[in-house]
Amino acid sequence: MKIAKDRKDLTNPEFWVLYKRVGGNTVRNKAHLRTLMDEIREKRKD
């Protein structure tokens, strides 16, 4: 997730939304995290 932020794939607010989800145990594994990141990117494009 930090790598995506450093590459500017995620904005700072998007990063913190995902960060809180990881800390709150709503992300099951790395694959689920990638899926959530993809969903956030799609929402931004709309």
N, C-alpha and C. Protein backbone atom coordinates (compact mmCIF):
# COMPACT_ATOMS: atom_id res chain seq x y z
N MET A 1 0.84 -1.18 0.00
CA MET A 1 0.00 0.00 0.00
C MET A 1 0.89 1.25 0.00
N LYS A 2 1.93 1.25 0.80
CA LYS A 2 2.84 2.40 0.84
C LYS A 2 3.52 2.59 -0.50
N ILE A 3 3.86 1.50 -1.16
CA ILE A 3 4.50 1.59 -2.47
C ILE A 3 3.56 2.25 -3.47
N ALA A 4 2.29 1.90 -3.43
CA ALA A 4 1.30 2.51 -4.32
C ALA A 4 1.18 4.01 -4.06
N LYS A 5 1.27 4.38 -2.79
CA LYS A 5 1.21 5.81 -2.44
C LYS A 5 2.44 6.53 -2.97
N ASP A 6 3.61 5.91 -2.80
CA ASP A 6 4.85 6.52 -3.29
C ASP A 6 4.85 6.67 -4.81
N ARG A 7 4.22 5.74 -5.51
CA ARG A 7 4.15 5.82 -6.97
C ARG A 7 3.02 6.73 -7.44
N LYS A 8 2.31 7.31 -6.49
CA LYS A 8 1.18 8.21 -6.78
C LYS A 8 -0.01 7.47 -7.37
N ASP A 9 -0.11 6.15 -7.12
CA ASP A 9 -1.30 5.40 -7.53
C ASP A 9 -2.47 5.71 -6.61
N LEU A 10 -2.16 6.04 -5.34
CA LEU A 10 -3.18 6.41 -4.36
C LEU A 10 -2.90 7.82 -3.87
N THR A 11 -3.97 8.58 -3.67
CA THR A 11 -3.80 9.89 -3.06
C THR A 11 -3.68 9.72 -1.55
N ASN A 12 -3.27 10.76 -0.86
CA ASN A 12 -3.11 10.68 0.58
C ASN A 12 -4.42 10.33 1.31
N PRO A 13 -5.56 10.96 0.97
CA PRO A 13 -6.81 10.57 1.65
C PRO A 13 -7.21 9.12 1.37
N GLU A 14 -6.99 8.65 0.14
CA GLU A 14 -7.31 7.27 -0.20
C GLU A 14 -6.44 6.30 0.59
N PHE A 15 -5.17 6.65 0.74
CA PHE A 15 -4.25 5.83 1.52
C PHE A 15 -4.74 5.67 2.95
N TRP A 16 -5.18 6.78 3.55
CA TRP A 16 -5.60 6.70 4.95
C TRP A 16 -6.90 5.96 5.12
N VAL A 17 -7.78 5.99 4.13
CA VAL A 17 -9.01 5.18 4.20
C VAL A 17 -8.63 3.70 4.25
N LEU A 18 -7.72 3.28 3.37
CA LEU A 18 -7.29 1.89 3.37
C LEU A 18 -6.50 1.54 4.62
N TYR A 19 -5.70 2.46 5.09
CA TYR A 19 -4.90 2.24 6.30
C TYR A 19 -5.81 1.93 7.49
N LYS A 20 -6.90 2.68 7.61
CA LYS A 20 -7.84 2.45 8.70
C LYS A 20 -8.56 1.12 8.55
N ARG A 21 -8.84 0.72 7.31
CA ARG A 21 -9.48 -0.58 7.08
C ARG A 21 -8.56 -1.72 7.49
N VAL A 22 -7.28 -1.59 7.18
CA VAL A 22 -6.32 -2.62 7.56
C VAL A 22 -6.22 -2.68 9.08
N GLY A 23 -6.15 -1.54 9.73
CA GLY A 23 -6.06 -1.50 11.18
C GLY A 23 -7.32 -1.99 11.86
N GLY A 24 -8.44 -1.86 11.20
CA GLY A 24 -9.72 -2.29 11.76
C GLY A 24 -10.07 -3.72 11.43
N ASN A 25 -9.13 -4.46 10.83
CA ASN A 25 -9.30 -5.87 10.49
C ASN A 25 -10.44 -6.12 9.50
N THR A 26 -10.70 -5.20 8.58
CA THR A 26 -11.72 -5.44 7.56
C THR A 26 -11.09 -5.94 6.26
N VAL A 27 -9.75 -5.97 6.20
CA VAL A 27 -9.06 -6.49 5.02
C VAL A 27 -8.58 -7.89 5.36
N ARG A 28 -8.99 -8.87 4.55
CA ARG A 28 -8.69 -10.27 4.87
C ARG A 28 -7.26 -10.65 4.54
N ASN A 29 -6.76 -10.21 3.37
CA ASN A 29 -5.41 -10.60 2.94
C ASN A 29 -4.93 -9.61 1.88
N LYS A 30 -3.76 -9.87 1.34
CA LYS A 30 -3.18 -8.95 0.35
C LYS A 30 -4.01 -8.87 -0.91
N ALA A 31 -4.58 -9.99 -1.34
CA ALA A 31 -5.41 -9.99 -2.54
C ALA A 31 -6.65 -9.12 -2.34
N HIS A 32 -7.23 -9.19 -1.16
CA HIS A 32 -8.40 -8.37 -0.85
C HIS A 32 -8.01 -6.89 -0.84
N LEU A 33 -6.81 -6.58 -0.31
CA LEU A 33 -6.33 -5.21 -0.30
C LEU A 33 -6.17 -4.68 -1.73
N ARG A 34 -5.60 -5.50 -2.61
CA ARG A 34 -5.45 -5.09 -4.02
C ARG A 34 -6.80 -4.82 -4.66
N THR A 35 -7.79 -5.66 -4.34
CA THR A 35 -9.14 -5.47 -4.87
C THR A 35 -9.72 -4.14 -4.39
N LEU A 36 -9.54 -3.83 -3.11
CA LEU A 36 -10.04 -2.56 -2.57
C LEU A 36 -9.33 -1.38 -3.23
N MET A 37 -8.03 -1.50 -3.47
CA MET A 37 -7.28 -0.43 -4.13
C MET A 37 -7.80 -0.21 -5.54
N ASP A 38 -8.08 -1.30 -6.25
CA ASP A 38 -8.62 -1.19 -7.61
C ASP A 38 -9.99 -0.51 -7.60
N GLU A 39 -10.83 -0.85 -6.61
CA GLU A 39 -12.15 -0.23 -6.52
C GLU A 39 -12.04 1.28 -6.27
N ILE A 40 -11.09 1.68 -5.44
CA ILE A 40 -10.91 3.10 -5.16
C ILE A 40 -10.46 3.82 -6.42
N ARG A 41 -9.56 3.22 -7.17
CA ARG A 41 -9.09 3.85 -8.42
C ARG A 41 -10.23 3.98 -9.43
N GLU A 42 -11.10 2.99 -9.51
CA GLU A 42 -12.24 3.04 -10.42
C GLU A 42 -13.21 4.14 -10.03
N LYS A 43 -13.44 4.30 -8.73
CA LYS A 43 -14.34 5.36 -8.26
C LYS A 43 -13.80 6.74 -8.64
N ARG A 44 -12.47 6.88 -8.57
CA ARG A 44 -11.85 8.17 -8.90
C ARG A 44 -12.04 8.50 -10.37
N LYS A 45 -12.01 7.49 -11.22
CA LYS A 45 -12.14 7.71 -12.67
C LYS A 45 -13.54 8.11 -13.07
N ASP A 46 -14.54 7.71 -12.27
CA ASP A 46 -15.95 8.02 -12.61
C ASP A 46 -16.28 9.46 -12.43
